[in-house]
Amino acid sequence: MKEVRDWRSKCSRQLRIIDAFVIVWAVVGAYVIRFGWTSDFVIAGQESIYLWLSIALAVIWWIMLGAWNSRQSRILGAGPDEYKRVAAASLWLFGLVAIVSYVLRFDTARGYVGVALPAGLFGLLLARWLIRQHLNVNRQMGQSMSRLLLVGGPSAVAHLARSLRTAKHAGYLPVAVYTPNTSVVPSVEPESGLPVVGNSPDAESIVAAIRACRADAVAVSAGVQLHPQTLRHLGWELASRNIGLIMAPALTDIAGPRIHTQQVAGLPLIHVTTPTLEGGQRVAKRLFDVVVSALLILVSLPVMAIVAILIKAQDGGPILFRQRRVGIEGAQFQMFKFRSMVVDAEERLDSLRVSNDASGLLFKMKTDPRVTSIGRVLRKFSLDELPQLFNVFAGSMSLVGPRPPLPSEVEAYEQDVRRRLLVKPGLTGLWQVSGRSNLSWQDSVRLDLYYVENWSMAGDLLILMKTFRAVFQSAGAY
């Protein structure tokens, strides 16, 4: 418990210091850029002491970041809440400055505000991102984690433990399992390997188990056999001990924007909206694809010309590789890529299937003998996929979406997997920024279905930004 509180207090202290430094840097910089080093100015006939206003602005900005709970340990390291709260506090502050200036008819220097707000907001978000990277490194080593007691049915707690272990950046470390009202209590939960510390369906026993495993948070999962009144008492007990209570419903791969809570008769009902990609959203996505793909084609034309010359000069074969792929709602289209293999690569495929390094329906080889020397470079930096920009511009593909499957793969799809065909396949996607060829078939399907279920324009922009990093790192590219 002391170790947990130490990292939390340390992070909070670091954030307070860094926030103060960034705010002072932004405000002083705006002051100097707009006014120089003197403190008094005459604006619209009124004498203003911007030095004191700058001090007041910096102090209020720092306080508002705390008031918006942007330094809470539970939002550090994962998810967009931290960034949203920093942005909301900053925009609210400068919105209030604009309103007060208008009401009091105080002519605030626009150049001063125009420098302080964007510089400060950028600096704060960048600092939070850097701290998040440092925190994630620590969490991959098992440090700066919240010790979590999992309460629920055996299968539910096993699934929750497995999910949390694959998302260490979230900062939760499952340490024990509590299975209320189960008849047989093994010493170790077989699937997760976590010790089972009890099964009595009362709050006092759960609190005793928390002390025994030194947990600082409790996650109540689906299938828990506890009376609502017991859960209420448990919440009171945990609150008095400053121990977190987390409810983990049986919802998987559902993004935050689709989840809404509503209080009805004292019950927190969770509403899950259905994702749609039609009407204005479909038009917006298509317009974005056309504009961005056209710009990328223009920018990459010199690179594509050089690549085409190198491919032709190597063996005199065709420059482009054309292949039938399956698009939205099962419609087939011809996908273009720069040829990275020998000319007879398709004829040699059957003889290499015994050496497949991938799982499921995918075929991947880390050292595929069919790949040419130029092809290895093209694949490493995803240059072979540049011609797919023309597929995006023509409308058969999107910039972001599920991986474009082969017709033979679609024929072997299970019913659930066919949901991948509800949207256009993408030049990049969650599979591209999450490991590329290193992903198993199951992980690839899960990521594609997650994208289909939780599509948003903001999500597309985030995936595109992550794609550039994945391409330069060349992780999983072969």
Protein backbone atom coordinates (compact mmCIF):
# COMPACT_ATOMS: atom_id res chain seq x y z
CA MET A 1 0.00 0.00 0.00
CA LYS A 2 2.81 2.39 0.90
CA GLU A 3 4.56 1.66 -2.44
CA VAL A 4 1.34 2.39 -4.35
CA ARG A 5 0.75 5.64 -2.53
CA ASP A 6 4.39 6.57 -3.11
CA TRP A 7 4.14 6.36 -6.90
CA ARG A 8 0.81 8.13 -6.91
CA SER A 9 2.03 10.99 -4.74
CA LYS A 10 5.26 11.16 -6.74
CA CYS A 11 3.36 11.43 -10.05
CA SER A 12 1.00 14.04 -8.63
CA ARG A 13 3.93 16.07 -7.32
CA GLN A 14 5.75 15.83 -10.66
CA LEU A 15 2.64 16.93 -12.54
CA ARG A 16 2.14 19.95 -10.28
CA ILE A 17 5.74 21.05 -10.83
CA ILE A 18 5.73 20.43 -14.59
CA ASP A 19 2.35 22.13 -15.06
CA ALA A 20 3.64 25.17 -13.20
CA PHE A 21 6.81 25.28 -15.31
CA VAL A 22 4.92 24.99 -18.62
CA ILE A 23 2.34 27.61 -17.66
CA VAL A 24 4.99 30.11 -16.55
CA TRP A 25 6.92 29.43 -19.77
CA ALA A 26 3.82 30.06 -21.91
CA VAL A 27 2.65 33.17 -20.05
CA VAL A 28 6.08 34.78 -19.80
CA GLY A 29 6.80 33.96 -23.43
CA ALA A 30 3.51 35.52 -24.56
CA TYR A 31 4.20 38.56 -22.39
CA VAL A 32 7.68 39.10 -23.83
CA ILE A 33 6.67 38.44 -27.45
CA ARG A 34 3.73 40.85 -27.27
CA PHE A 35 5.02 43.62 -25.02
CA GLY A 36 8.75 43.31 -24.44
CA TRP A 37 10.27 43.51 -20.97
CA THR A 38 8.44 46.57 -19.58
CA SER A 39 5.31 46.11 -17.49
CA ASP A 40 3.01 49.09 -18.27
CA PHE A 41 1.18 49.66 -21.56
CA VAL A 42 -1.53 51.94 -22.86
CA ILE A 43 -4.17 50.03 -24.81
CA ALA A 44 -7.28 51.75 -26.14
CA GLY A 45 -6.61 54.64 -23.76
CA GLN A 46 -6.46 52.47 -20.63
CA GLU A 47 -3.34 51.77 -18.62
CA SER A 48 -2.92 48.04 -18.00
CA ILE A 49 -0.39 46.30 -15.83
CA TYR A 50 0.04 43.06 -17.78
CA LEU A 51 2.74 41.83 -15.48
CA TRP A 52 0.24 41.35 -12.62
CA LEU A 53 -2.37 40.02 -14.99
CA SER A 54 0.13 37.43 -16.20
CA ILE A 55 0.85 36.30 -12.65
CA ALA A 56 -2.88 36.00 -11.92
CA LEU A 57 -3.48 34.11 -15.17
CA ALA A 58 -0.67 31.63 -14.43
CA VAL A 59 -1.91 30.94 -10.89
CA ILE A 60 -5.56 30.49 -11.97
CA TRP A 61 -4.52 28.24 -14.89
CA TRP A 62 -2.54 26.00 -12.55
CA ILE A 63 -5.43 25.83 -10.07
CA MET A 64 -7.95 25.01 -12.81
CA LEU A 65 -5.88 22.06 -13.97
CA GLY A 66 -6.21 20.67 -10.46
CA ALA A 67 -9.91 21.57 -10.24
CA TRP A 68 -10.56 19.59 -13.45
CA ASN A 69 -8.86 16.56 -11.83
CA SER A 70 -6.29 16.34 -14.61
CA ARG A 71 -3.71 14.98 -12.13
CA GLN A 72 -5.73 12.01 -10.86
CA SER A 73 -3.67 8.83 -10.80
CA ARG A 74 -6.48 6.69 -12.26
CA ILE A 75 -6.42 8.56 -15.59
CA LEU A 76 -2.64 8.60 -15.98
CA GLY A 77 -1.00 6.38 -18.56
CA ALA A 78 -4.01 5.23 -20.61
CA GLY A 79 -7.04 6.65 -22.34
CA PRO A 80 -7.84 10.17 -23.56
CA ASP A 81 -9.34 11.55 -20.31
CA GLU A 82 -6.10 13.12 -19.15
CA TYR A 83 -5.68 15.09 -22.37
CA LYS A 84 -9.36 16.04 -22.48
CA ARG A 85 -9.27 17.47 -18.97
CA VAL A 86 -6.11 19.49 -19.65
CA ALA A 87 -7.67 20.92 -22.81
CA ALA A 88 -11.03 21.60 -21.12
CA ALA A 89 -9.46 23.45 -18.18
CA SER A 90 -7.32 25.59 -20.50
CA LEU A 91 -10.16 26.45 -22.90
CA TRP A 92 -12.56 27.23 -20.06
CA LEU A 93 -10.01 29.61 -18.54
CA PHE A 94 -9.44 31.58 -21.72
CA GLY A 95 -13.15 31.53 -22.46
CA LEU A 96 -13.76 33.15 -19.08
CA VAL A 97 -11.01 35.69 -19.83
CA ALA A 98 -12.80 36.60 -23.08
CA ILE A 99 -16.18 36.91 -21.33
CA VAL A 100 -14.82 39.03 -18.46
CA SER A 101 -12.97 41.26 -20.92
CA TYR A 102 -16.18 41.76 -22.90
CA VAL A 103 -18.39 42.43 -19.85
CA LEU A 104 -15.94 44.87 -18.25
CA ARG A 105 -15.04 46.36 -21.64
CA PHE A 106 -11.40 45.65 -20.99
CA ASP A 107 -9.41 45.57 -24.21
CA THR A 108 -7.28 42.46 -23.73
CA ALA A 109 -4.37 42.27 -26.14
CA ARG A 110 -5.33 39.61 -28.67
CA GLY A 111 -1.70 38.88 -29.54
CA TYR A 112 -0.99 38.08 -25.90
CA VAL A 113 -3.90 35.62 -25.63
CA GLY A 114 -3.17 34.28 -29.11
CA VAL A 115 0.32 33.22 -28.01
CA ALA A 116 -0.31 32.16 -24.40
CA LEU A 117 -3.22 29.75 -25.08
CA PRO A 118 -1.81 27.63 -27.96
CA ALA A 119 1.73 27.63 -26.52
CA GLY A 120 0.55 26.66 -23.05
CA LEU A 121 -1.91 24.04 -24.27
CA PHE A 122 0.67 22.47 -26.60
CA GLY A 123 3.29 22.48 -23.85
CA LEU A 124 0.94 20.91 -21.30
CA LEU A 125 -0.19 18.15 -23.68
CA LEU A 126 3.39 17.42 -24.76
CA ALA A 127 4.55 17.24 -21.14
CA ARG A 128 1.70 14.87 -20.27
CA TRP A 129 2.59 12.69 -23.24
CA LEU A 130 6.25 12.49 -22.18
CA ILE A 131 5.27 11.63 -18.60
CA ARG A 132 2.92 8.98 -19.96
CA GLN A 133 5.75 7.37 -21.95
CA HIS A 134 7.94 7.27 -18.84
CA LEU A 135 5.08 5.83 -16.78
CA ASN A 136 4.36 3.17 -19.41
CA VAL A 137 8.00 2.06 -19.38
CA ASN A 138 7.81 1.65 -15.60
CA ARG A 139 4.56 -0.31 -15.87
CA GLN A 140 6.01 -2.71 -18.39
CA MET A 141 8.55 -3.53 -15.68
CA GLY A 142 5.79 -4.02 -13.09
CA GLN A 143 6.29 -0.66 -11.36
CA SER A 144 3.83 2.19 -10.70
CA MET A 145 0.89 -0.24 -10.72
CA SER A 146 -2.31 -0.42 -8.67
CA ARG A 147 -2.67 -3.77 -6.91
CA LEU A 148 -6.08 -5.15 -7.81
CA LEU A 149 -8.31 -7.72 -6.09
CA LEU A 150 -10.70 -9.31 -8.59
CA VAL A 151 -14.15 -10.17 -7.24
CA GLY A 152 -16.60 -12.24 -9.29
CA GLY A 153 -17.32 -15.58 -10.90
CA PRO A 154 -14.35 -17.82 -11.84
CA SER A 155 -14.65 -17.39 -15.61
CA ALA A 156 -15.27 -13.64 -15.35
CA VAL A 157 -12.28 -12.92 -13.12
CA ALA A 158 -10.06 -15.09 -15.35
CA HIS A 159 -11.09 -13.07 -18.41
CA LEU A 160 -10.57 -9.78 -16.55
CA ALA A 161 -7.13 -10.85 -15.33
CA ARG A 162 -6.12 -11.91 -18.83
CA SER A 163 -7.29 -8.59 -20.30
CA LEU A 164 -5.50 -6.47 -17.69
CA ARG A 165 -2.25 -8.37 -18.15
CA THR A 166 -2.25 -7.53 -21.85
CA ALA A 167 -2.79 -3.83 -21.04
CA LYS A 168 -0.09 -3.06 -18.50
CA HIS A 169 -0.08 0.57 -19.59
CA ALA A 170 -3.44 0.94 -17.82
CA GLY A 171 -1.63 0.48 -14.51
CA TYR A 172 -3.61 -2.39 -12.94
CA LEU A 173 -1.85 -5.44 -11.50
CA PRO A 174 -4.19 -8.33 -10.54
CA VAL A 175 -2.84 -9.88 -7.35
CA ALA A 176 -5.65 -12.13 -6.07
CA VAL A 177 -9.13 -13.48 -6.74
CA TYR A 178 -12.23 -13.49 -4.52
CA THR A 179 -15.12 -15.70 -5.69
CA PRO A 180 -18.23 -15.13 -3.52
CA ASN A 181 -20.69 -18.00 -3.03
CA THR A 182 -18.65 -20.61 -4.87
CA SER A 183 -18.86 -24.06 -3.34
CA VAL A 184 -15.33 -25.20 -4.16
CA VAL A 185 -12.49 -22.79 -3.42
CA PRO A 186 -9.13 -23.86 -4.91
CA SER A 187 -5.98 -22.27 -3.56
CA VAL A 188 -5.16 -20.97 -7.04
CA GLU A 189 -7.57 -19.92 -9.80
CA PRO A 190 -6.66 -22.36 -12.64
CA GLU A 191 -6.97 -20.04 -15.65
CA SER A 192 -5.33 -16.87 -14.29
CA GLY A 193 -2.94 -18.53 -11.84
CA LEU A 194 -3.91 -15.99 -9.15
CA PRO A 195 -4.37 -17.04 -5.52
CA VAL A 196 -7.99 -17.32 -4.34
CA VAL A 197 -8.33 -15.47 -1.03
CA GLY A 198 -11.95 -16.20 -0.09
CA ASN A 199 -15.56 -16.86 -1.03
CA SER A 200 -17.74 -15.53 1.81
CA PRO A 201 -20.51 -13.24 0.47
CA ASP A 202 -20.12 -10.43 3.02
CA ALA A 203 -18.31 -7.09 2.94
CA GLU A 204 -16.25 -7.77 6.09
CA SER A 205 -14.65 -10.89 4.58
CA ILE A 206 -13.81 -9.04 1.36
CA VAL A 207 -12.19 -6.21 3.35
CA ALA A 208 -10.16 -8.78 5.27
CA ALA A 209 -9.04 -10.32 1.97
CA ILE A 210 -8.00 -6.87 0.74
CA ARG A 211 -5.77 -6.45 3.78
CA ALA A 212 -4.31 -9.91 3.28
CA CYS A 213 -3.27 -9.33 -0.35
CA ARG A 214 -2.43 -5.63 0.19
CA ALA A 215 -4.68 -4.51 -2.66
CA ASP A 216 -5.39 -0.81 -3.13
CA ALA A 217 -8.33 -1.28 -5.52
CA VAL A 218 -11.14 -3.79 -6.00
CA ALA A 219 -12.59 -4.77 -9.37
CA VAL A 220 -16.07 -6.32 -9.23
CA SER A 221 -16.54 -8.33 -12.43
CA ALA A 222 -19.52 -9.91 -14.11
CA GLY A 223 -21.10 -12.96 -12.50
CA VAL A 224 -20.49 -11.74 -8.97
CA GLN A 225 -22.77 -13.46 -6.44
CA LEU A 226 -23.26 -10.52 -4.07
CA HIS A 227 -26.47 -8.87 -2.88
CA PRO A 228 -26.81 -5.20 -3.97
CA GLN A 229 -26.89 -4.16 -0.32
CA THR A 230 -23.61 -5.99 0.26
CA LEU A 231 -22.03 -4.13 -2.63
CA ARG A 232 -23.28 -0.88 -1.14
CA HIS A 233 -21.72 -1.66 2.23
CA LEU A 234 -18.52 -2.73 0.50
CA GLY A 235 -18.38 0.63 -1.25
CA TRP A 236 -18.69 2.44 2.09
CA GLU A 237 -15.95 0.34 3.65
CA LEU A 238 -13.59 0.91 0.71
CA ALA A 239 -14.27 4.65 0.65
CA SER A 240 -13.38 4.94 4.35
CA ARG A 241 -10.04 3.22 3.63
CA ASN A 242 -9.29 5.21 0.45
CA ILE A 243 -9.42 2.03 -1.65
CA GLY A 244 -10.77 2.25 -5.19
CA LEU A 245 -13.87 0.37 -6.32
CA ILE A 246 -14.08 -0.56 -10.01
CA MET A 247 -17.12 -2.13 -11.66
CA ALA A 248 -16.18 -4.29 -14.66
CA PRO A 249 -19.36 -5.21 -16.60
CA ALA A 250 -19.45 -7.98 -19.20
CA LEU A 251 -18.80 -5.60 -22.08
CA THR A 252 -15.77 -6.31 -24.25
CA ASP A 253 -14.24 -4.26 -27.06
CA ILE A 254 -16.65 -1.35 -26.53
CA ALA A 255 -15.09 2.11 -26.79
CA GLY A 256 -15.87 4.85 -24.29
CA PRO A 257 -17.88 7.15 -26.60
CA ARG A 258 -20.46 4.38 -27.08
CA ILE A 259 -21.06 4.01 -23.33
CA HIS A 260 -23.42 6.34 -21.50
CA THR A 261 -24.67 6.08 -17.92
CA GLN A 262 -28.08 7.11 -16.66
CA GLN A 263 -29.32 7.16 -13.09
CA VAL A 264 -32.74 5.54 -12.73
CA ALA A 265 -34.19 4.87 -9.25
CA GLY A 266 -30.68 4.90 -7.78
CA LEU A 267 -29.38 2.43 -10.37
CA PRO A 268 -26.54 3.40 -12.76
CA LEU A 269 -27.85 2.04 -16.06
CA ILE A 270 -25.28 1.65 -18.84
CA HIS A 271 -26.49 2.44 -22.35
CA VAL A 272 -24.43 1.14 -25.28
CA THR A 273 -25.15 2.95 -28.54
CA THR A 274 -24.95 1.19 -31.89
CA PRO A 275 -22.21 2.44 -34.24
CA THR A 276 -23.37 3.63 -37.65
CA LEU A 277 -21.49 4.71 -40.75
CA GLU A 278 -24.16 6.21 -42.94
CA GLY A 279 -25.50 9.56 -44.01
CA GLY A 280 -23.31 12.48 -43.00
CA GLN A 281 -20.69 10.26 -41.37
CA ARG A 282 -20.23 8.22 -44.54
CA VAL A 283 -19.94 11.40 -46.62
CA ALA A 284 -17.43 12.91 -44.19
CA LYS A 285 -15.27 9.78 -44.21
CA ARG A 286 -15.36 9.56 -48.00
CA LEU A 287 -14.51 13.26 -48.40
CA PHE A 288 -11.62 12.84 -45.98
CA ASP A 289 -10.35 9.82 -47.94
CA VAL A 290 -10.48 11.66 -51.26
CA VAL A 291 -8.74 14.82 -50.06
CA VAL A 292 -6.00 13.13 -48.03
CA SER A 293 -5.29 10.37 -50.57
CA ALA A 294 -5.01 12.96 -53.36
CA LEU A 295 -2.52 14.98 -51.30
CA LEU A 296 -0.51 11.87 -50.42
CA ILE A 297 -0.43 10.78 -54.07
CA LEU A 298 0.96 14.15 -55.12
CA VAL A 299 3.57 14.16 -52.34
CA SER A 300 4.68 10.56 -52.93
CA LEU A 301 4.80 10.63 -56.75
CA PRO A 302 8.62 11.13 -56.85
CA VAL A 303 9.10 8.22 -54.42
CA MET A 304 6.75 5.99 -56.42
CA ALA A 305 8.63 6.84 -59.63
CA ILE A 306 11.98 5.85 -58.08
CA VAL A 307 10.52 2.62 -56.67
CA ALA A 308 9.03 1.73 -60.06
CA ILE A 309 12.40 2.20 -61.77
CA LEU A 310 14.20 0.04 -59.19
CA ILE A 311 11.66 -2.79 -59.47
CA LYS A 312 11.82 -2.77 -63.27
CA ALA A 313 15.62 -2.65 -63.28
CA GLN A 314 15.96 -5.62 -60.92
CA ASP A 315 14.36 -8.36 -63.00
CA GLY A 316 12.42 -6.68 -65.80
CA GLY A 317 9.12 -7.98 -64.44
CA PRO A 318 5.90 -6.01 -63.90
CA ILE A 319 6.07 -3.05 -61.52
CA LEU A 320 2.67 -3.51 -59.92
CA PHE A 321 1.19 -6.55 -58.22
CA ARG A 322 -2.56 -6.86 -58.75
CA GLN A 323 -4.68 -9.08 -56.53
CA ARG A 324 -8.39 -9.66 -55.99
CA ARG A 325 -9.49 -8.60 -52.52
CA VAL A 326 -12.89 -8.39 -50.83
CA GLY A 327 -14.27 -5.00 -49.88
CA ILE A 328 -17.38 -3.61 -48.25
CA GLU A 329 -20.37 -5.99 -48.15
CA GLY A 330 -18.37 -8.67 -49.98
CA ALA A 331 -17.77 -6.71 -53.19
CA GLN A 332 -14.50 -7.74 -54.83
CA PHE A 333 -11.98 -5.25 -56.21
CA GLN A 334 -8.47 -5.26 -57.62
CA MET A 335 -5.90 -4.06 -55.09
CA PHE A 336 -2.61 -2.54 -56.27
CA LYS A 337 0.79 -2.91 -54.63
CA PHE A 338 4.37 -2.50 -55.77
CA ARG A 339 5.68 -5.95 -56.61
CA SER A 340 7.99 -7.05 -53.79
CA MET A 341 8.29 -10.73 -54.81
CA VAL A 342 9.56 -12.71 -57.74
CA VAL A 343 7.32 -12.93 -60.79
CA ASP A 344 6.15 -16.51 -60.12
CA ALA A 345 5.45 -15.95 -56.40
CA GLU A 346 1.83 -17.12 -56.57
CA GLU A 347 2.78 -20.42 -58.26
CA ARG A 348 5.31 -21.16 -55.49
CA LEU A 349 2.87 -20.44 -52.65
CA ASP A 350 1.53 -23.99 -52.16
CA SER A 351 5.00 -25.43 -51.68
CA LEU A 352 5.71 -22.93 -48.88
CA ARG A 353 2.55 -23.36 -46.80
CA VAL A 354 4.27 -25.88 -44.52
CA SER A 355 6.61 -23.05 -43.45
CA ASN A 356 3.80 -20.64 -42.56
CA ASP A 357 4.73 -18.45 -39.55
CA ALA A 358 1.23 -17.01 -39.17
CA SER A 359 -1.87 -18.55 -37.59
CA GLY A 360 -5.43 -19.01 -38.76
CA LEU A 361 -6.16 -18.09 -42.36
CA LEU A 362 -3.15 -15.82 -42.81
CA PHE A 363 0.04 -16.80 -44.61
CA LYS A 364 3.20 -15.01 -43.52
CA MET A 365 6.87 -15.97 -43.54
CA LYS A 366 9.52 -13.95 -41.76
CA THR A 367 12.10 -15.08 -44.32
CA ASP A 368 10.00 -15.65 -47.42
CA PRO A 369 12.37 -16.77 -50.22
CA ARG A 370 10.08 -15.21 -52.83
CA VAL A 371 10.76 -11.65 -51.60
CA THR A 372 13.31 -9.77 -53.68
CA SER A 373 16.12 -7.66 -52.22
CA ILE A 374 14.31 -4.47 -53.16
CA GLY A 375 11.08 -5.97 -51.91
CA ARG A 376 12.52 -6.39 -48.40
CA VAL A 377 13.25 -2.67 -48.22
CA LEU A 378 9.83 -1.81 -49.60
CA ARG A 379 8.09 -4.03 -47.05
CA LYS A 380 10.18 -2.77 -44.15
CA PHE A 381 8.94 0.78 -44.68
CA SER A 382 5.55 -0.18 -46.22
CA LEU A 383 6.51 1.51 -49.50
CA ASP A 384 5.01 -1.42 -51.41
CA GLU A 385 1.56 -0.26 -50.27
CA LEU A 386 1.78 3.24 -51.77
CA PRO A 387 -0.23 2.29 -54.93
CA GLN A 388 -3.17 1.49 -52.64
CA LEU A 389 -3.64 5.26 -52.38
CA PHE A 390 -5.19 4.99 -55.85
CA ASN A 391 -7.61 2.35 -54.48
CA VAL A 392 -8.54 4.81 -51.73
CA PHE A 393 -9.01 7.67 -54.18
CA ALA A 394 -11.16 5.48 -56.45
CA GLY A 395 -13.36 4.41 -53.53
CA SER A 396 -12.71 0.67 -53.22
CA MET A 397 -10.68 1.20 -50.05
CA SER A 398 -10.47 3.71 -47.21
CA LEU A 399 -7.44 5.24 -45.55
CA VAL A 400 -8.36 3.50 -42.29
CA GLY A 401 -10.26 0.24 -41.93
CA PRO A 402 -9.92 -3.54 -41.50
CA ARG A 403 -7.24 -5.45 -43.39
CA PRO A 404 -8.40 -6.19 -46.99
CA PRO A 405 -8.97 -9.98 -47.06
CA LEU A 406 -8.52 -12.46 -49.88
CA PRO A 407 -11.62 -14.17 -51.32
CA SER A 408 -10.32 -17.54 -50.03
CA GLU A 409 -10.13 -16.09 -46.51
CA VAL A 410 -13.69 -14.74 -46.69
CA GLU A 411 -15.01 -18.13 -47.77
CA ALA A 412 -13.62 -19.62 -44.55
CA TYR A 413 -14.92 -16.81 -42.30
CA GLU A 414 -17.08 -17.67 -39.34
CA GLN A 415 -20.29 -15.66 -38.99
CA ASP A 416 -18.87 -13.20 -36.46
CA VAL A 417 -15.80 -12.48 -38.57
CA ARG A 418 -18.00 -11.39 -41.49
CA ARG A 419 -18.73 -8.19 -39.60
CA ARG A 420 -15.35 -6.99 -40.91
CA LEU A 421 -17.07 -6.52 -44.28
CA LEU A 422 -19.49 -3.88 -42.96
CA VAL A 423 -16.94 -1.13 -43.70
CA LYS A 424 -14.38 -0.56 -46.44
CA PRO A 425 -10.98 -2.20 -45.95
CA GLY A 426 -8.21 0.21 -45.08
CA LEU A 427 -4.74 1.15 -46.21
CA THR A 428 -3.94 1.15 -42.49
CA GLY A 429 -5.84 0.20 -39.36
CA LEU A 430 -5.58 -1.05 -35.82
CA TRP A 431 -3.82 -4.18 -37.13
CA GLN A 432 -1.16 -1.97 -38.73
CA VAL A 433 -0.35 0.02 -35.58
CA SER A 434 -0.59 -2.94 -33.18
CA GLY A 435 2.05 -5.32 -34.47
CA ARG A 436 1.36 -5.85 -38.20
CA SER A 437 2.58 -9.31 -39.22
CA ASN A 438 3.47 -10.22 -35.62
CA LEU A 439 -0.25 -10.44 -34.77
CA SER A 440 -2.00 -13.76 -34.56
CA TRP A 441 -5.12 -14.40 -36.63
CA GLN A 442 -7.29 -14.08 -33.53
CA ASP A 443 -5.74 -10.74 -32.55
CA SER A 444 -6.09 -9.44 -36.10
CA VAL A 445 -9.79 -10.35 -36.17
CA ARG A 446 -10.38 -8.85 -32.73
CA LEU A 447 -8.81 -5.54 -33.72
CA ASP A 448 -10.75 -5.39 -36.99
CA LEU A 449 -14.05 -6.10 -35.22
CA TYR A 450 -13.20 -3.49 -32.60
CA TYR A 451 -12.72 -0.93 -35.36
CA VAL A 452 -16.04 -1.85 -36.99
CA GLU A 453 -17.86 -1.60 -33.65
CA ASN A 454 -16.27 1.70 -32.54
CA TRP A 455 -15.57 3.69 -35.70
CA SER A 456 -15.13 7.45 -35.33
CA MET A 457 -13.39 10.19 -37.30
CA ALA A 458 -11.25 11.04 -34.27
CA GLY A 459 -10.23 7.39 -34.07
CA ASP A 460 -9.24 7.40 -37.74
CA LEU A 461 -7.02 10.44 -37.20
CA LEU A 462 -5.35 8.81 -34.20
CA ILE A 463 -4.68 5.60 -36.17
CA LEU A 464 -3.16 7.61 -39.03
CA MET A 465 -0.81 9.39 -36.63
CA LYS A 466 0.22 6.09 -35.07
CA THR A 467 0.78 4.61 -38.53
CA PHE A 468 3.68 6.94 -39.26
CA ARG A 469 5.42 5.80 -36.06
CA ALA A 470 4.75 2.12 -36.84
CA VAL A 471 6.14 2.48 -40.36
CA PHE A 472 9.37 4.16 -39.20
CA GLN A 473 9.86 1.60 -36.43
CA SER A 474 9.31 -1.21 -38.98
CA ALA A 475 7.97 -3.49 -36.23
CA GLY A 476 6.30 -6.64 -37.58
CA ALA A 477 7.03 -5.73 -41.19
CA TYR A 478 8.02 -8.76 -43.32
